[in-house]
N, C-alpha and C. Protein backbone atom coordinates (compact mmCIF):
# COMPACT_ATOMS: atom_id res chain seq x y z
N MET A 1 9.62 -86.54 -181.80
CA MET A 1 10.45 -86.32 -180.72
C MET A 1 10.85 -87.96 -179.97
N LEU A 2 9.19 -88.25 -179.69
CA LEU A 2 8.91 -88.96 -179.21
C LEU A 2 8.99 -90.48 -179.47
N ASN A 3 9.16 -90.66 -180.98
CA ASN A 3 8.99 -91.90 -181.51
C ASN A 3 10.72 -92.17 -181.02
N LEU A 4 10.95 -91.12 -181.67
CA LEU A 4 12.97 -91.13 -181.69
C LEU A 4 13.49 -92.13 -179.79
N ILE A 5 12.82 -91.58 -179.05
CA ILE A 5 13.26 -91.54 -177.43
C ILE A 5 12.83 -93.08 -177.11
N ASN A 6 11.76 -93.62 -178.28
CA ASN A 6 11.29 -94.49 -177.72
C ASN A 6 12.48 -95.96 -178.55
N LEU A 7 12.87 -95.49 -179.44
CA LEU A 7 13.43 -96.65 -180.49
C LEU A 7 14.85 -96.42 -179.99
N ASN A 8 15.16 -95.47 -178.71
CA ASN A 8 16.70 -95.52 -177.85
C ASN A 8 16.63 -96.87 -176.79
N LEU A 9 15.19 -96.64 -176.55
CA LEU A 9 15.12 -97.48 -174.77
C LEU A 9 14.47 -99.03 -175.32
N VAL A 10 14.53 -99.54 -176.21
CA VAL A 10 13.78 -100.56 -177.11
C VAL A 10 15.38 -101.26 -177.20
N VAL A 11 14.91 -102.38 -176.22
CA VAL A 11 16.26 -103.91 -175.70
C VAL A 11 15.46 -104.49 -177.35
N SER A 12 16.93 -104.92 -178.00
CA SER A 12 16.43 -106.04 -179.14
C SER A 12 16.88 -107.62 -178.43
N THR A 13 15.69 -108.16 -179.33
CA THR A 13 15.89 -109.72 -178.52
C THR A 13 16.80 -110.06 -178.50
N MET A 14 17.99 -109.89 -179.28
CA MET A 14 19.00 -110.48 -179.34
C MET A 14 19.77 -110.10 -177.83
N GLN A 15 20.13 -109.04 -177.56
CA GLN A 15 20.76 -108.24 -176.79
C GLN A 15 19.85 -109.86 -175.07
N LEU A 16 18.37 -109.07 -175.24
CA LEU A 16 18.00 -109.52 -173.90
C LEU A 16 18.33 -111.02 -173.72
N THR A 17 18.75 -111.86 -175.23
CA THR A 17 18.79 -113.40 -175.00
C THR A 17 20.37 -113.83 -174.96
N ILE A 18 20.98 -112.42 -174.94
CA ILE A 18 22.58 -113.10 -174.30
C ILE A 18 22.80 -112.66 -173.16
N VAL A 19 21.84 -111.12 -172.06
CA VAL A 19 22.21 -110.43 -171.12
C VAL A 19 21.47 -111.97 -170.10
N LEU A 20 20.30 -112.53 -170.55
CA LEU A 20 19.65 -114.19 -170.21
C LEU A 20 20.31 -115.40 -169.75
N ILE A 21 21.18 -115.49 -171.18
CA ILE A 21 22.57 -116.98 -170.77
C ILE A 21 23.18 -116.28 -170.42
N ILE A 22 23.70 -115.23 -170.10
CA ILE A 22 25.04 -114.92 -169.19
C ILE A 22 24.36 -114.67 -167.78
N THR A 23 23.26 -114.60 -167.51
CA THR A 23 22.41 -114.55 -166.46
C THR A 23 22.74 -116.13 -165.77
N ALA A 24 22.65 -116.81 -167.00
CA ALA A 24 21.96 -118.30 -166.25
C ALA A 24 23.37 -119.12 -166.05
N ALA A 25 23.83 -119.24 -167.06
CA ALA A 25 25.32 -119.29 -166.95
C ALA A 25 25.99 -119.17 -165.88
N VAL A 26 25.85 -118.00 -165.29
CA VAL A 26 26.76 -117.31 -163.83
C VAL A 26 26.03 -118.28 -162.82
N PHE A 27 24.19 -118.50 -162.71
CA PHE A 27 23.92 -119.22 -161.64
C PHE A 27 24.32 -120.36 -161.55
N LEU A 28 23.95 -121.10 -163.36
CA LEU A 28 24.45 -122.46 -163.66
C LEU A 28 26.27 -122.52 -162.63
N PHE A 29 26.58 -121.84 -162.72
CA PHE A 29 28.38 -122.15 -162.24
C PHE A 29 27.88 -122.28 -160.70
N PHE A 30 27.50 -121.16 -160.27
CA PHE A 30 27.14 -121.53 -158.79
C PHE A 30 26.55 -122.61 -158.27
N ILE A 31 26.04 -123.35 -159.31
CA ILE A 31 25.06 -124.64 -158.65
C ILE A 31 26.05 -125.50 -158.75
N VAL A 32 26.59 -125.75 -159.21
CA VAL A 32 27.58 -126.30 -160.21
C VAL A 32 28.91 -126.07 -158.95
N LEU A 33 29.44 -125.17 -158.39
CA LEU A 33 30.71 -124.89 -157.19
C LEU A 33 29.48 -125.69 -156.14
N ALA A 34 28.07 -125.39 -155.61
CA ALA A 34 27.64 -125.45 -154.61
C ALA A 34 27.85 -127.29 -154.38
N ILE A 35 27.59 -127.71 -155.82
CA ILE A 35 27.24 -129.24 -155.27
C ILE A 35 28.69 -130.47 -155.23
N ILE A 36 29.40 -129.67 -155.91
CA ILE A 36 30.57 -129.73 -155.64
C ILE A 36 31.09 -129.94 -153.81
N LYS A 37 30.94 -128.69 -153.51
CA LYS A 37 31.63 -128.61 -152.14
C LYS A 37 30.59 -129.53 -151.38
N MET A 38 29.62 -129.67 -151.83
CA MET A 38 28.71 -130.72 -150.68
C MET A 38 29.38 -131.68 -150.84
N TYR A 39 29.62 -132.64 -152.28
CA TYR A 39 29.76 -133.98 -151.47
C TYR A 39 31.56 -134.01 -151.25
N LYS A 40 32.09 -132.79 -151.23
CA LYS A 40 33.46 -132.73 -150.48
C LYS A 40 32.80 -132.47 -149.05
N LEU A 41 32.81 -131.38 -148.53
CA LEU A 41 31.95 -132.33 -147.14
C LEU A 41 32.07 -133.24 -146.95
N LYS A 42 30.65 -134.29 -147.91
CA LYS A 42 29.98 -134.94 -146.82
C LYS A 42 30.91 -136.21 -147.27
N ALA A 43 32.27 -136.37 -147.88
CA ALA A 43 33.34 -136.94 -147.79
C ALA A 43 33.40 -137.18 -147.22
N GLU A 44 34.67 -135.65 -146.17
CA GLU A 44 34.82 -135.47 -145.30
C GLU A 44 34.23 -135.59 -143.99
N ASN A 45 32.82 -135.60 -143.67
CA ASN A 45 32.44 -136.51 -142.56
C ASN A 45 32.64 -137.26 -142.59
N LYS A 46 32.15 -138.03 -143.72
CA LYS A 46 32.30 -139.23 -143.42
C LYS A 46 33.62 -139.96 -143.02
N ARG A 47 34.34 -139.41 -143.21
CA ARG A 47 35.72 -139.76 -142.97
C ARG A 47 35.98 -139.55 -141.42
N LEU A 48 35.60 -137.97 -141.08
CA LEU A 48 35.87 -137.67 -139.46
C LEU A 48 35.34 -138.53 -138.42
N LEU A 49 33.52 -139.55 -139.26
CA LEU A 49 33.22 -139.97 -138.28
C LEU A 49 33.67 -141.51 -138.06
N ASP A 50 34.18 -142.12 -139.37
CA ASP A 50 34.93 -143.24 -139.47
C ASP A 50 36.42 -142.95 -138.97
N SER A 51 36.94 -141.94 -137.89
CA SER A 51 37.99 -142.36 -137.69
C SER A 51 38.15 -142.56 -136.22
N ASP A 52 39.10 -142.60 -135.55
CA ASP A 52 39.31 -143.95 -133.88
C ASP A 52 38.33 -142.49 -133.52
N ALA A 53 38.61 -141.05 -133.42
CA ALA A 53 38.18 -140.16 -132.56
C ALA A 53 36.50 -140.45 -131.90
N PHE A 54 35.72 -140.84 -132.97
CA PHE A 54 34.10 -140.70 -132.51
C PHE A 54 34.06 -142.40 -132.12
N LYS A 55 34.81 -143.00 -132.47
CA LYS A 55 34.57 -145.29 -132.13
C LYS A 55 35.09 -144.65 -130.56
N PHE A 56 33.71 -145.28 -129.45
CA PHE A 56 34.04 -144.90 -128.44
C PHE A 56 32.92 -145.44 -127.93
N ASP A 57 33.45 -146.81 -126.75
CA ASP A 57 32.43 -147.68 -126.07
C ASP A 57 31.29 -146.97 -125.48
N VAL A 58 30.21 -147.09 -126.29
CA VAL A 58 29.05 -146.27 -125.53
C VAL A 58 28.52 -147.63 -124.42
N ASP A 59 28.04 -147.33 -122.90
CA ASP A 59 26.95 -148.23 -121.76
C ASP A 59 25.91 -148.05 -122.17
N GLU A 60 25.09 -149.19 -123.19
CA GLU A 60 23.63 -148.62 -123.17
C GLU A 60 22.76 -149.53 -121.91
N SER A 61 23.51 -149.79 -121.46
CA SER A 61 22.58 -150.48 -120.34
C SER A 61 21.79 -149.61 -119.27
N TYR A 62 20.56 -150.26 -119.08
CA TYR A 62 19.46 -149.07 -118.51
C TYR A 62 19.94 -148.26 -117.13
N LYS A 63 19.75 -147.08 -117.13
CA LYS A 63 20.17 -146.26 -115.92
C LYS A 63 18.69 -145.88 -115.40
N ASP A 64 18.52 -146.02 -114.02
CA ASP A 64 17.61 -146.18 -113.27
C ASP A 64 17.63 -144.28 -113.44
N PHE A 65 16.80 -143.26 -113.94
CA PHE A 65 17.05 -142.10 -113.09
C PHE A 65 16.45 -141.39 -112.65
N THR A 66 15.42 -142.73 -111.55
CA THR A 66 14.22 -142.08 -111.20
C THR A 66 14.27 -141.57 -109.60
N GLU A 67 16.04 -141.81 -109.07
CA GLU A 67 16.24 -141.42 -107.56
C GLU A 67 16.46 -140.44 -107.73
N GLY A 68 16.54 -139.15 -108.46
CA GLY A 68 16.59 -138.02 -108.59
C GLY A 68 15.74 -137.30 -107.19
N HIS A 69 16.14 -136.47 -106.85
CA HIS A 69 15.70 -135.51 -106.20
C HIS A 69 14.43 -134.48 -106.64
N LEU A 70 14.50 -134.80 -107.72
CA LEU A 70 12.84 -134.07 -108.42
C LEU A 70 12.28 -134.91 -108.72
N TYR A 71 11.93 -136.00 -108.21
CA TYR A 71 10.99 -137.36 -108.48
C TYR A 71 10.43 -137.87 -106.94
N ASP A 72 9.30 -137.87 -106.63
CA ASP A 72 8.95 -138.31 -105.43
C ASP A 72 8.53 -139.56 -105.59
N ASN A 73 9.74 -139.94 -104.52
CA ASN A 73 9.58 -141.50 -104.22
C ASN A 73 8.89 -141.96 -102.87
N LYS A 74 7.45 -142.31 -103.30
CA LYS A 74 7.31 -142.60 -101.77
C LYS A 74 6.98 -143.84 -102.32
């Protein structure tokens, strides 16, 4: 009786291989999907940064910030 139960619980190597291949294929699909999405987002980010919305003149001259009330000007 115990031997019969053990035979029913044993998974064949072929079944295990099929399950592992299917699992690997699903994960590979999601990885490829994530990589494609990453490149699309990167291209959109570059396009948005190159647009006129982010092109503005930045005043890079030095501004003295020590005149504030938090600094002791003696």
